[in-house]
Amino acid sequence: MGKIVGAHGVHGALRVYPYADDPLSWAALPYWWLGHEGDAPAAWQRVAVRRCALSNELLVAQLACFNDRTEAESARNLLVGVPRDALPGTADDEFYWGDLIGLEVVNVDQQSLGRVLGLLDTPANAVLRVGDGEGAERLLPFVESVVQRVDLSARRIEVDWGLDW
């Protein structure tokens, strides 16, 4: 959901850069999980959320396990997440990025462009990183004019994008 970018104040509060939409909804979660990228799920630590507020595009959160600035500074670069079942449901045209990674991407002519390797967040829109994981990647804007259909059950995204673009 986000990444801890530093301490805030002297009482152990954290500054968190949100990766997800609607970061204030995180304040309603009783627990967050903290870990490092690549850690096994069992290695992530569950921590109670005392309070959380939005400040200048960052979240300022007080977690039960950090009581002073020194402890909070030790959390820099930890990732913040929650188990999938703790996330709110999505509307028909909304998707969690984690659900898109690995999906096959085909164009309207049913030609394979590769798989979703990741997503980038840009000021204009999200961008799909598509490729085979070994060579060049394509960057496709995740917008309605390009993405024609997302079928999670078939693990497939259909796009209006040429092979030679």
Protein backbone atom coordinates (compact mmCIF):
# COMPACT_ATOMS: atom_id res chain seq x y z
CA MET A 1 0.00 0.00 0.00
CA GLY A 2 2.90 2.35 0.63
CA LYS A 3 6.40 2.95 1.90
CA ILE A 4 7.68 4.56 5.08
CA VAL A 5 9.83 7.53 4.04
CA GLY A 6 10.80 8.90 7.44
CA ALA A 7 9.93 9.97 10.94
CA HIS A 8 7.53 12.76 11.85
CA GLY A 9 7.99 14.62 15.11
CA VAL A 10 9.51 13.23 18.30
CA HIS A 11 6.81 10.79 19.44
CA GLY A 12 7.37 7.99 16.92
CA ALA A 13 5.02 9.04 14.13
CA LEU A 14 5.87 8.00 10.58
CA ARG A 15 5.63 9.68 7.19
CA VAL A 16 4.25 7.19 4.66
CA TYR A 17 4.23 7.62 0.88
CA PRO A 18 0.97 6.00 -0.35
CA TYR A 19 0.99 3.76 -3.41
CA ALA A 20 -2.77 3.22 -3.40
CA ASP A 21 -5.75 5.43 -4.10
CA ASP A 22 -7.72 6.79 -1.16
CA PRO A 23 -4.97 6.55 1.46
CA LEU A 24 -7.24 7.96 4.15
CA SER A 25 -9.21 4.71 4.03
CA TRP A 26 -6.12 3.14 5.61
CA ALA A 27 -6.93 5.00 8.82
CA ALA A 28 -9.97 2.75 9.25
CA LEU A 29 -7.78 -0.37 9.27
CA PRO A 30 -6.95 -1.56 12.79
CA TYR A 31 -3.63 -3.10 11.70
CA TRP A 32 -0.97 -2.61 9.06
CA TRP A 33 1.74 -5.10 8.14
CA LEU A 34 5.35 -3.91 7.77
CA GLY A 35 8.04 -5.70 5.80
CA HIS A 36 10.69 -5.52 3.12
CA GLU A 37 10.16 -6.13 -0.57
CA GLY A 38 10.71 -9.79 -1.31
CA ASP A 39 10.02 -10.93 2.27
CA ALA A 40 7.86 -14.01 2.67
CA PRO A 41 4.40 -13.12 4.03
CA ALA A 42 5.25 -14.75 7.36
CA ALA A 43 8.14 -12.29 7.81
CA TRP A 44 5.85 -9.24 7.75
CA GLN A 45 5.03 -7.82 11.19
CA ARG A 46 1.45 -6.89 12.11
CA VAL A 47 1.24 -3.58 14.00
CA ALA A 48 -1.72 -1.71 15.47
CA VAL A 49 -2.63 1.65 13.96
CA ARG A 50 -3.22 4.30 16.65
CA ARG A 51 -4.03 7.15 14.25
CA CYS A 52 -3.46 8.24 10.70
CA ALA A 53 -3.97 11.52 8.84
CA LEU A 54 -3.12 12.99 5.44
CA SER A 55 -0.54 15.78 5.34
CA ASN A 56 0.83 17.22 2.09
CA GLU A 57 0.23 14.07 0.02
CA LEU A 58 1.84 11.87 2.68
CA LEU A 59 0.22 9.95 5.50
CA VAL A 60 1.34 10.68 9.03
CA ALA A 61 0.72 7.56 11.08
CA GLN A 62 1.25 6.63 14.69
CA LEU A 63 1.77 2.88 15.08
CA ALA A 64 1.82 1.03 18.38
CA CYS A 65 5.37 -0.28 17.91
CA PHE A 66 7.12 3.10 17.52
CA ASN A 67 7.29 5.33 20.60
CA ASP A 68 10.00 7.86 19.75
CA ARG A 69 11.78 9.42 16.80
CA THR A 70 14.74 7.01 16.93
CA GLU A 71 12.44 3.99 16.65
CA ALA A 72 10.49 5.66 13.85
CA GLU A 73 13.67 6.47 11.92
CA SER A 74 14.60 2.78 12.00
CA ALA A 75 11.45 2.06 9.96
CA ARG A 76 12.57 4.08 6.92
CA ASN A 77 12.07 2.13 3.65
CA LEU A 78 9.79 -0.49 5.19
CA LEU A 79 6.77 -1.27 3.05
CA VAL A 80 3.23 -1.03 4.40
CA GLY A 81 0.70 -3.64 3.38
CA VAL A 82 -2.36 -5.57 4.43
CA PRO A 83 -3.54 -9.07 3.56
CA ARG A 84 -5.69 -9.19 0.44
CA ASP A 85 -8.79 -10.17 2.42
CA ALA A 86 -8.50 -7.00 4.56
CA LEU A 87 -8.79 -4.71 1.52
CA PRO A 88 -12.16 -3.23 0.56
CA GLY A 89 -13.86 -4.58 -2.55
CA THR A 90 -13.48 -2.83 -5.88
CA ALA A 91 -16.04 -1.54 -8.36
CA ASP A 92 -16.45 -3.34 -11.69
CA ASP A 93 -13.99 -1.01 -13.42
CA GLU A 94 -11.43 -0.86 -10.57
CA PHE A 95 -8.52 -3.20 -9.94
CA TYR A 96 -5.81 -3.65 -7.39
CA TRP A 97 -2.43 -3.44 -9.10
CA GLY A 98 -1.36 -6.71 -7.51
CA ASP A 99 -4.24 -8.44 -9.30
CA LEU A 100 -2.99 -7.21 -12.69
CA ILE A 101 0.61 -8.34 -12.37
CA GLY A 102 1.23 -11.50 -14.36
CA LEU A 103 -1.87 -11.17 -16.57
CA GLU A 104 -1.38 -11.91 -20.26
CA VAL A 105 -1.75 -8.84 -22.48
CA VAL A 106 -3.13 -9.31 -26.00
CA ASN A 107 -4.12 -6.72 -28.56
CA VAL A 108 -7.48 -6.55 -30.33
CA ASP A 109 -6.03 -8.80 -33.07
CA GLN A 110 -5.31 -11.41 -30.34
CA GLN A 111 -1.53 -10.99 -30.70
CA SER A 112 0.37 -11.47 -27.45
CA LEU A 113 2.29 -8.46 -26.17
CA GLY A 114 3.59 -10.27 -23.08
CA ARG A 115 2.57 -10.19 -19.43
CA VAL A 116 2.08 -7.34 -16.98
CA LEU A 117 5.43 -7.01 -15.19
CA GLY A 118 4.39 -4.07 -13.05
CA LEU A 119 2.73 -0.70 -13.08
CA LEU A 120 4.00 2.86 -12.87
CA ASP A 121 2.10 5.73 -11.32
CA THR A 122 2.36 8.93 -13.35
CA PRO A 123 0.56 12.24 -12.82
CA ALA A 124 -1.63 11.59 -15.86
CA ASN A 125 -2.51 7.91 -15.34
CA ALA A 126 -1.18 4.50 -14.39
CA VAL A 127 1.06 2.77 -16.95
CA LEU A 128 1.31 -0.98 -17.55
CA ARG A 129 4.83 -2.40 -17.91
CA VAL A 130 4.38 -5.26 -20.38
CA GLY A 131 6.99 -7.75 -21.57
CA ASP A 132 8.43 -11.21 -21.21
CA GLY A 133 10.72 -10.32 -18.32
CA GLU A 134 13.88 -10.87 -20.34
CA GLY A 135 13.91 -8.26 -23.09
CA ALA A 136 12.40 -4.95 -23.99
CA GLU A 137 9.28 -3.74 -22.26
CA ARG A 138 6.30 -1.88 -23.63
CA LEU A 139 4.73 0.90 -21.59
CA LEU A 140 0.98 1.09 -22.14
CA PRO A 141 -1.19 3.77 -20.56
CA PHE A 142 -3.86 2.21 -18.36
CA VAL A 143 -6.67 4.31 -19.83
CA GLU A 144 -10.03 3.43 -21.34
CA SER A 145 -8.97 4.20 -24.93
CA VAL A 146 -6.14 1.62 -24.70
CA VAL A 147 -7.38 -1.00 -22.23
CA GLN A 148 -10.45 -2.55 -23.81
CA ARG A 149 -11.12 -5.31 -21.29
CA VAL A 150 -9.66 -6.76 -18.10
CA ASP A 151 -10.72 -10.34 -17.40
CA LEU A 152 -9.28 -11.39 -14.05
CA SER A 153 -10.81 -14.87 -14.21
CA ALA A 154 -9.17 -15.54 -17.60
CA ARG A 155 -6.00 -13.73 -16.38
CA ARG A 156 -6.02 -11.58 -19.51
CA ILE A 157 -6.07 -7.93 -20.59
CA GLU A 158 -7.13 -6.91 -24.08
CA VAL A 159 -5.66 -3.65 -25.40
CA ASP A 160 -5.86 -1.50 -28.51
CA TRP A 161 -2.10 -1.53 -29.16
CA GLY A 162 -0.07 -2.68 -32.15
CA LEU A 163 2.83 -5.12 -32.02
CA ASP A 164 5.15 -2.59 -33.65
CA TRP A 165 4.22 0.43 -31.51
